Amino acid sequence: MIGIVATLAAGYVLGTKAGRDRYEQIVNTYKAVSGHPATKSVIDAGRRKIADRVSPDPKFVQLNEVEIDAGTSVIEPDRRPQ
């Protein structure tokens, strides 16, 4: 999101200094790049990665039952890497 805002701001500044024609050229280029399916897939993948990292939902933990003796067992988390 910040990159899009920065791009728009840069396009605006460059467009106002270079005139309306140059501004339209920058805007059209931005729209062509941001509307491309490859760009959309990269942005979506980035959003998914960020959402996975900041998700408030806890990860599931696999539990294993460990027998201590014939009548006693405990449950502990699985220590194997996932």
Protein backbone atom coordinates (compact mmCIF):
# COMPACT_ATOMS: atom_id res chain seq x y z
CA MET A 1 0.00 0.00 0.00
CA ILE A 2 2.81 2.39 0.87
CA GLY A 3 4.50 1.65 -2.45
CA ILE A 4 1.35 2.49 -4.36
CA VAL A 5 0.95 5.78 -2.51
CA ALA A 6 4.62 6.64 -3.09
CA THR A 7 4.25 5.83 -6.78
CA LEU A 8 1.17 8.01 -7.06
CA ALA A 9 2.90 10.86 -5.24
CA ALA A 10 5.97 10.61 -7.49
CA GLY A 11 3.73 10.50 -10.55
CA TYR A 12 1.87 13.57 -9.39
CA VAL A 13 5.03 15.58 -8.71
CA LEU A 14 6.68 14.58 -11.97
CA GLY A 15 3.44 15.14 -13.84
CA THR A 16 2.92 18.64 -12.50
CA LYS A 17 6.49 19.64 -13.33
CA ALA A 18 6.46 18.12 -16.81
CA GLY A 19 2.97 19.16 -17.77
CA ARG A 20 -0.35 17.47 -18.32
CA ASP A 21 0.81 15.24 -21.20
CA ARG A 22 3.65 13.75 -19.20
CA TYR A 23 1.34 13.30 -16.20
CA GLU A 24 -1.16 11.38 -18.36
CA GLN A 25 1.67 9.21 -19.69
CA ILE A 26 2.80 8.36 -16.13
CA VAL A 27 -0.75 7.60 -15.01
CA ASN A 28 -1.40 5.37 -18.02
CA THR A 29 1.87 3.50 -17.40
CA TYR A 30 0.96 3.00 -13.74
CA LYS A 31 -2.48 1.69 -14.67
CA ALA A 32 -1.01 -0.70 -17.24
CA VAL A 33 1.54 -2.07 -14.76
CA SER A 34 -0.84 -2.29 -11.79
CA GLY A 35 -3.57 -3.90 -13.89
CA HIS A 36 -1.33 -6.64 -15.27
CA PRO A 37 -2.17 -10.15 -13.97
CA ALA A 38 1.46 -10.84 -13.00
CA THR A 39 1.56 -7.71 -10.86
CA LYS A 40 -1.73 -8.62 -9.21
CA SER A 41 -0.49 -12.12 -8.37
CA VAL A 42 2.71 -10.75 -6.81
CA ILE A 43 0.73 -8.25 -4.74
CA ASP A 44 -1.72 -10.97 -3.62
CA ALA A 45 1.14 -13.29 -2.65
CA GLY A 46 2.73 -10.50 -0.61
CA ARG A 47 -0.55 -9.76 1.13
CA ARG A 48 -0.99 -13.44 2.01
CA LYS A 49 2.53 -13.63 3.48
CA ILE A 50 1.93 -10.52 5.58
CA ALA A 51 -1.45 -11.81 6.73
CA ASP A 52 0.10 -15.13 7.76
CA ARG A 53 2.77 -13.37 9.81
CA VAL A 54 0.46 -10.95 11.62
CA SER A 55 -2.46 -13.33 12.04
CA PRO A 56 -3.78 -13.34 15.62
CA ASP A 57 -4.94 -16.94 15.23
CA PRO A 58 -2.69 -19.41 17.05
CA LYS A 59 -1.09 -22.22 15.10
CA PHE A 60 -2.34 -25.72 15.79
CA VAL A 61 -0.09 -27.86 17.95
CA GLN A 62 0.05 -31.62 17.47
CA LEU A 63 -0.19 -33.48 20.80
CA ASN A 64 1.24 -36.91 21.54
CA GLU A 65 0.33 -39.22 24.37
CA VAL A 66 3.42 -40.57 26.14
CA GLU A 67 3.11 -43.55 28.48
CA ILE A 68 5.16 -43.21 31.66
CA ASP A 69 4.25 -46.59 33.15
CA ALA A 70 1.44 -49.14 32.88
CA GLY A 71 -1.16 -46.87 34.53
CA THR A 72 0.12 -43.38 33.79
CA SER A 73 0.43 -41.39 30.59
CA VAL A 74 0.90 -37.71 29.80
CA ILE A 75 0.17 -35.58 26.78
CA GLU A 76 2.96 -33.43 25.39
CA PRO A 77 3.40 -31.33 22.25
CA ASP A 78 5.00 -32.95 19.22
CA ARG A 79 8.61 -31.72 19.05
CA ARG A 80 9.21 -32.68 15.41
CA PRO A 81 9.63 -29.76 12.99
CA GLN A 82 6.62 -29.17 10.79
